[in-house]
């Protein structure tokens, strides 16, 4: 996901016809796939499809790269009615609510998928950046001074963490300090740390790494949900400024673990400076197809 290169980006397993599976079976299949997330598509009474998202250890209400990949596959395999050319809006029922997804088609093939996320919710900030730096597997200088790390949710609460330099970001171990990081994040009501470095000369291009050891995901190659939340955080704090009502941000992720990805984020801003919409988009490529017997 978030790449057109095989074996790059963020891998995803998709079960496009999962009506007969229960939650325990979905979790077991997710453990068997052993990827950061696996998605399961079911019929819905209130949306085009219901999509459920699982990590190897738990179900989560909303996920970014699985949304992009799931709808890409449904379009590619003609499992939803779409025109051969142009864009179509569908809806997905998730644990976080019903959200629109825009599919862009060209000659019967998907070109791009864009998901609209929930309105951003801003939670508590973390003042003890030295403790956070150590929990990330770094030191007291790892987290940048100034803008405090903060919990932000566009469907899933995650901790946004500004890192002091690109070198500090590169040097962090996958999963941070493991259980130490999990405990710190759990105390703030999240499992995810979205660590980023923002170069002042290129504020719209952000380098990121996302750690979620408590979910069985030491490092995620591409995180659409966290990218949307990060976009809202950066715009809200004035790090990225909108032009003509929109801020466009490119999130680069997965480089350090050999799975580079590129995520496009758009944040719409109203006349009063309020964030009115957060969208995340990207591309995908299918590399493996098969059958699972359960």
Protein backbone atom coordinates (compact mmCIF):
# COMPACT_ATOMS: atom_id res chain seq x y z
CA UNK A 1 0.00 0.00 0.00
CA UNK A 2 1.05 3.60 -0.72
CA UNK A 3 3.39 2.40 -3.46
CA UNK A 4 3.29 0.99 -6.99
CA UNK A 5 6.45 -1.06 -6.44
CA UNK A 6 6.07 -4.75 -5.51
CA UNK A 7 7.43 -5.62 -2.05
CA UNK A 8 7.62 -1.97 -0.97
CA UNK A 9 5.14 0.12 1.01
CA UNK A 10 2.93 -1.47 3.65
CA UNK A 11 1.76 -5.05 3.00
CA UNK A 12 -1.87 -5.92 3.65
CA UNK A 13 -3.88 -9.13 3.59
CA UNK A 14 -7.49 -8.70 2.44
CA UNK A 15 -10.38 -11.13 2.78
CA UNK A 16 -12.91 -9.64 0.32
CA UNK A 17 -15.76 -12.04 1.19
CA UNK A 18 -15.74 -12.45 4.96
CA UNK A 19 -19.45 -12.63 5.82
CA UNK A 20 -19.12 -16.11 7.30
CA UNK A 21 -16.19 -15.30 9.56
CA UNK A 22 -16.60 -14.35 13.23
CA UNK A 23 -14.29 -12.08 15.23
CA UNK A 24 -12.26 -14.96 16.69
CA UNK A 25 -11.61 -16.38 13.22
CA UNK A 26 -10.63 -12.95 11.91
CA UNK A 27 -8.16 -12.47 14.74
CA UNK A 28 -6.70 -15.94 14.18
CA UNK A 29 -6.32 -15.25 10.46
CA UNK A 30 -4.65 -11.93 11.24
CA UNK A 31 -2.14 -13.70 13.46
CA UNK A 32 -1.55 -16.22 10.66
CA UNK A 33 -0.95 -13.43 8.12
CA UNK A 34 1.42 -11.80 10.64
CA UNK A 35 1.18 -8.38 9.01
CA UNK A 36 0.60 -5.06 10.73
CA UNK A 37 -3.06 -5.22 9.67
CA UNK A 38 -5.52 -7.49 7.87
CA UNK A 39 -8.92 -6.37 6.59
CA UNK A 40 -12.18 -8.29 6.24
CA UNK A 41 -15.01 -7.16 3.95
CA UNK A 42 -18.64 -7.91 4.77
CA UNK A 43 -22.11 -6.86 3.69
CA UNK A 44 -23.48 -3.69 5.27
CA UNK A 45 -26.98 -2.35 5.87
CA UNK A 46 -25.81 1.26 6.07
CA UNK A 47 -22.86 1.54 3.66
CA UNK A 48 -21.48 0.10 0.44
CA UNK A 49 -19.45 -2.40 2.46
CA UNK A 50 -18.50 -3.10 6.05
CA UNK A 51 -14.75 -3.35 6.63
CA UNK A 52 -13.20 -4.70 9.82
CA UNK A 53 -9.54 -4.18 10.65
CA UNK A 54 -7.31 -6.44 12.77
CA UNK A 55 -3.70 -6.32 13.91
CA UNK A 56 -2.13 -9.63 15.00
CA UNK A 57 -3.38 -8.97 18.54
CA UNK A 58 -6.60 -6.94 18.36
CA UNK A 59 -9.40 -5.42 16.29
CA UNK A 60 -9.07 -1.67 15.71
CA UNK A 61 -11.89 0.68 14.70
CA UNK A 62 -10.29 2.37 11.70
CA UNK A 63 -7.12 1.98 9.65
CA UNK A 64 -5.67 3.99 6.80
CA UNK A 65 -3.54 1.77 4.61
CA UNK A 66 -6.05 -1.12 4.88
CA UNK A 67 -8.81 1.21 3.71
CA UNK A 68 -6.79 2.25 0.67
CA UNK A 69 -5.76 -1.32 -0.13
CA UNK A 70 -9.17 -2.86 0.47
CA UNK A 71 -11.02 -0.52 -1.86
CA UNK A 72 -8.24 -0.74 -4.43
CA UNK A 73 -8.68 -4.51 -4.52
CA UNK A 74 -12.49 -4.31 -4.61
CA UNK A 75 -12.23 -1.96 -7.59
CA UNK A 76 -9.54 -4.03 -9.29
CA UNK A 77 -11.55 -7.25 -8.97
CA UNK A 78 -14.82 -5.50 -9.89
CA UNK A 79 -16.45 -6.39 -6.58
CA UNK A 80 -18.15 -2.97 -6.48
CA UNK A 81 -20.04 -1.25 -9.29
CA UNK A 82 -17.86 1.50 -10.73
CA UNK A 83 -17.56 3.35 -14.05
CA UNK A 84 -14.58 2.55 -16.25
CA UNK A 85 -13.45 6.16 -16.05
CA UNK A 86 -13.85 8.98 -13.55
CA UNK A 87 -14.39 9.12 -9.82
CA UNK A 88 -17.04 7.51 -7.63
CA UNK A 89 -17.78 7.91 -3.93
CA UNK A 90 -18.57 4.79 -1.91
CA UNK A 91 -19.01 4.39 1.84
CA UNK A 92 -17.50 2.01 4.35
CA UNK A 93 -18.95 0.98 7.69
CA UNK A 94 -16.17 0.74 10.30
CA UNK A 95 -15.85 0.51 14.05
CA UNK A 96 -15.39 4.30 14.10
CA UNK A 97 -18.49 5.07 12.00
CA UNK A 98 -19.44 5.33 8.34
CA UNK A 99 -16.97 7.22 6.15
CA UNK A 100 -16.77 8.06 2.45
CA UNK A 101 -14.07 6.70 0.17
CA UNK A 102 -13.38 8.15 -3.29
CA UNK A 103 -12.23 5.82 -6.07
CA UNK A 104 -10.58 7.19 -9.21
CA UNK A 105 -10.75 4.89 -12.23
CA UNK A 106 -9.08 4.95 -15.64
CA UNK A 107 -9.95 2.39 -18.33
CA UNK A 108 -11.40 0.04 -15.73
CA UNK A 109 -8.42 0.16 -13.39
CA UNK A 110 -8.07 2.04 -10.10
CA UNK A 111 -5.71 5.01 -10.22
CA UNK A 112 -6.06 6.37 -6.67
CA UNK A 113 -8.10 5.81 -3.54
CA UNK A 114 -8.83 8.63 -1.08
CA UNK A 115 -10.41 8.11 2.33
CA UNK A 116 -12.12 10.80 4.39
CA UNK A 117 -11.31 10.41 8.06
CA UNK A 118 -13.21 11.51 11.16
CA UNK A 119 -13.07 15.11 12.35
CA UNK A 120 -9.84 15.50 14.35
CA UNK A 121 -10.04 15.26 18.11
CA UNK A 122 -7.14 16.72 20.09
CA UNK A 123 -6.30 15.07 23.39
CA UNK A 124 -3.72 15.56 26.10
CA UNK A 125 -0.17 16.75 25.53
CA UNK A 126 2.92 15.17 27.07
CA UNK A 127 5.29 17.53 28.84
CA UNK A 128 7.89 14.96 29.96
CA UNK A 129 9.70 14.70 26.64
CA UNK A 130 12.84 13.26 28.25
CA UNK A 131 10.93 10.22 29.49
CA UNK A 132 9.28 9.86 26.10
CA UNK A 133 12.66 10.00 24.36
CA UNK A 134 13.96 7.13 26.48
CA UNK A 135 10.74 5.12 25.95
CA UNK A 136 11.31 5.52 22.21
CA UNK A 137 14.72 3.92 22.59
CA UNK A 138 16.52 7.25 22.31
CA UNK A 139 17.64 9.72 24.94
CA UNK A 140 16.70 13.01 26.56
CA UNK A 141 17.50 14.88 23.33
CA UNK A 142 15.41 12.69 21.00
CA UNK A 143 12.12 14.60 21.20
CA UNK A 144 12.23 18.13 19.83
CA UNK A 145 11.79 21.14 22.10
CA UNK A 146 8.90 23.50 21.49
CA UNK A 147 5.76 21.85 20.16
CA UNK A 148 4.66 19.21 22.69
CA UNK A 149 3.74 15.66 21.71
CA UNK A 150 -0.04 15.33 21.67
CA UNK A 151 -2.73 12.69 21.27
CA UNK A 152 -4.72 13.28 18.07
CA UNK A 153 -7.45 11.12 16.58
CA UNK A 154 -9.10 11.08 13.17
CA UNK A 155 -10.68 7.75 14.05
CA UNK A 156 -7.93 6.20 16.17
CA UNK A 157 -6.09 8.07 18.99
CA UNK A 158 -2.34 8.25 18.37
CA UNK A 159 0.53 10.21 19.88
CA UNK A 160 2.17 12.74 17.55
CA UNK A 161 5.88 13.04 18.43
CA UNK A 162 8.18 15.71 16.93
CA UNK A 163 11.76 14.38 16.71
CA UNK A 164 14.70 16.76 17.01
CA UNK A 165 16.56 15.74 13.83
CA UNK A 166 16.49 13.33 10.92
CA UNK A 167 19.50 11.56 12.45
CA UNK A 168 17.63 11.02 15.72
CA UNK A 169 14.64 9.67 13.77
CA UNK A 170 16.87 7.30 11.78
CA UNK A 171 18.55 6.01 14.93
CA UNK A 172 15.44 4.93 16.82
CA UNK A 173 15.02 1.15 17.17
CA UNK A 174 11.86 -0.37 15.72
CA UNK A 175 9.30 -0.61 18.50
CA UNK A 176 11.18 1.89 20.64
CA UNK A 177 12.00 0.50 24.05
CA UNK A 178 9.23 -2.11 23.74
CA UNK A 179 7.23 -2.57 26.93
CA UNK A 180 8.43 0.78 28.28
CA UNK A 181 6.93 2.55 25.29
CA UNK A 182 3.77 0.43 25.43
CA UNK A 183 3.23 1.37 29.08
CA UNK A 184 3.74 5.07 28.45
CA UNK A 185 1.37 5.07 25.48
CA UNK A 186 -1.20 2.96 27.32
CA UNK A 187 -1.27 5.51 30.10
CA UNK A 188 -2.32 8.09 27.53
CA UNK A 189 -5.03 5.94 26.01
CA UNK A 190 -3.24 4.92 22.83
CA UNK A 191 -0.98 2.20 21.45
CA UNK A 192 0.65 4.22 18.67
CA UNK A 193 3.51 6.73 18.49
CA UNK A 194 3.78 8.64 15.23
CA UNK A 195 7.33 10.00 15.28
CA UNK A 196 8.15 12.62 12.67
CA UNK A 197 10.81 15.08 11.58
CA UNK A 198 9.77 18.30 9.89
CA UNK A 199 12.44 20.20 7.98
CA UNK A 200 11.62 23.94 8.20
CA UNK A 201 12.73 24.36 4.58
CA UNK A 202 10.23 21.70 3.42
CA UNK A 203 7.32 21.89 5.88
CA UNK A 204 4.91 20.08 3.54
CA UNK A 205 7.17 17.02 3.25
CA UNK A 206 7.34 15.01 6.48
CA UNK A 207 9.49 11.99 7.36
CA UNK A 208 7.81 9.57 9.77
CA UNK A 209 8.16 6.34 11.69
CA UNK A 210 5.24 4.77 13.57
CA UNK A 211 5.72 2.39 16.51
CA UNK A 212 2.93 0.30 18.07
CA UNK A 213 4.64 -2.52 20.04
CA UNK A 214 1.54 -2.99 22.22
CA UNK A 215 -0.43 -4.00 19.12
CA UNK A 216 2.23 -6.45 17.98
CA UNK A 217 3.49 -3.94 15.38
CA UNK A 218 7.02 -2.79 16.27
CA UNK A 219 7.12 -0.52 13.21
CA UNK A 220 4.49 0.17 10.57
CA UNK A 221 5.77 0.92 7.04
CA UNK A 222 2.84 3.24 6.20
CA UNK A 223 0.08 4.45 8.51
CA UNK A 224 -2.81 6.26 6.86
CA UNK A 225 -4.76 6.87 10.07
CA UNK A 226 -1.74 8.39 11.81
CA UNK A 227 -0.84 10.44 8.72
CA UNK A 228 -4.28 12.06 8.74
CA UNK A 229 -3.98 12.81 12.45
CA UNK A 230 -0.48 14.18 11.90
CA UNK A 231 -1.73 16.47 9.15
CA UNK A 232 -4.40 17.85 11.47
CA UNK A 233 -1.82 18.32 14.25
CA UNK A 234 0.62 20.17 11.98
CA UNK A 235 -2.05 22.46 10.57
CA UNK A 236 -3.63 23.09 13.97
CA UNK A 237 -0.27 24.20 15.42
CA UNK A 238 0.71 26.30 12.41
CA UNK A 239 3.63 24.12 11.30
CA UNK A 240 1.97 23.69 7.90
CA UNK A 241 -0.15 26.56 6.59
CA UNK A 242 -3.01 26.10 4.12
CA UNK A 243 -3.23 27.77 0.74
CA UNK A 244 -6.70 28.65 -0.58
CA UNK A 245 -8.29 26.64 2.20
CA UNK A 246 -6.24 23.45 1.82
CA UNK A 247 -2.98 22.12 3.22
CA UNK A 248 -1.30 19.38 1.20
CA UNK A 249 1.25 17.20 2.97
CA UNK A 250 3.36 14.27 1.76
CA UNK A 251 4.28 11.73 4.42
CA UNK A 252 7.34 9.58 3.70
CA UNK A 253 7.45 6.44 5.83
CA UNK A 254 8.94 2.95 5.92
CA UNK A 255 12.36 3.90 4.52
CA UNK A 256 14.27 2.70 7.59
CA UNK A 257 12.82 -0.81 7.37
CA UNK A 258 13.26 -1.19 3.62
CA UNK A 259 9.61 -0.61 2.65
CA UNK A 260 9.40 3.00 1.43
CA UNK A 261 5.95 4.49 1.05
CA UNK A 262 4.39 7.84 0.16
CA UNK A 263 1.10 9.03 1.67
CA UNK A 264 -0.81 12.07 0.47
CA UNK A 265 -2.69 14.06 3.13
CA UNK A 266 -5.11 16.91 2.51
CA UNK A 267 -6.46 19.05 5.33
CA UNK A 268 -9.31 21.46 4.54
CA UNK A 269 -9.55 24.61 6.64
CA UNK A 270 -12.55 26.92 7.06
CA UNK A 271 -12.61 30.71 7.03
CA UNK A 272 -12.16 30.81 10.79
CA UNK A 273 -9.10 28.55 10.68
CA UNK A 274 -11.01 25.48 11.84
CA UNK A 275 -10.22 22.11 10.28
CA UNK A 276 -13.25 20.97 8.29
CA UNK A 277 -11.99 17.76 6.65
CA UNK A 278 -9.03 15.38 6.69
CA UNK A 279 -8.38 13.11 3.69
CA UNK A 280 -5.65 10.55 3.05
CA UNK A 281 -4.93 9.03 -0.34
CA UNK A 282 -2.59 6.77 -2.19
CA UNK A 283 -2.06 3.88 -4.57
CA UNK A 284 -1.53 0.13 -4.25
CA UNK A 285 -0.41 -2.93 -6.15
CA UNK A 286 -1.54 -6.55 -5.84
CA UNK A 287 1.36 -9.00 -5.47
CA UNK A 288 -0.13 -12.25 -4.08
CA UNK A 289 -3.48 -14.00 -4.54
CA UNK A 290 -4.53 -17.25 -2.94
CA UNK A 291 -7.03 -19.28 -0.94
CA UNK A 292 -7.16 -19.91 2.78
CA UNK A 293 -8.86 -22.97 4.23
CA UNK A 294 -10.39 -22.49 7.70
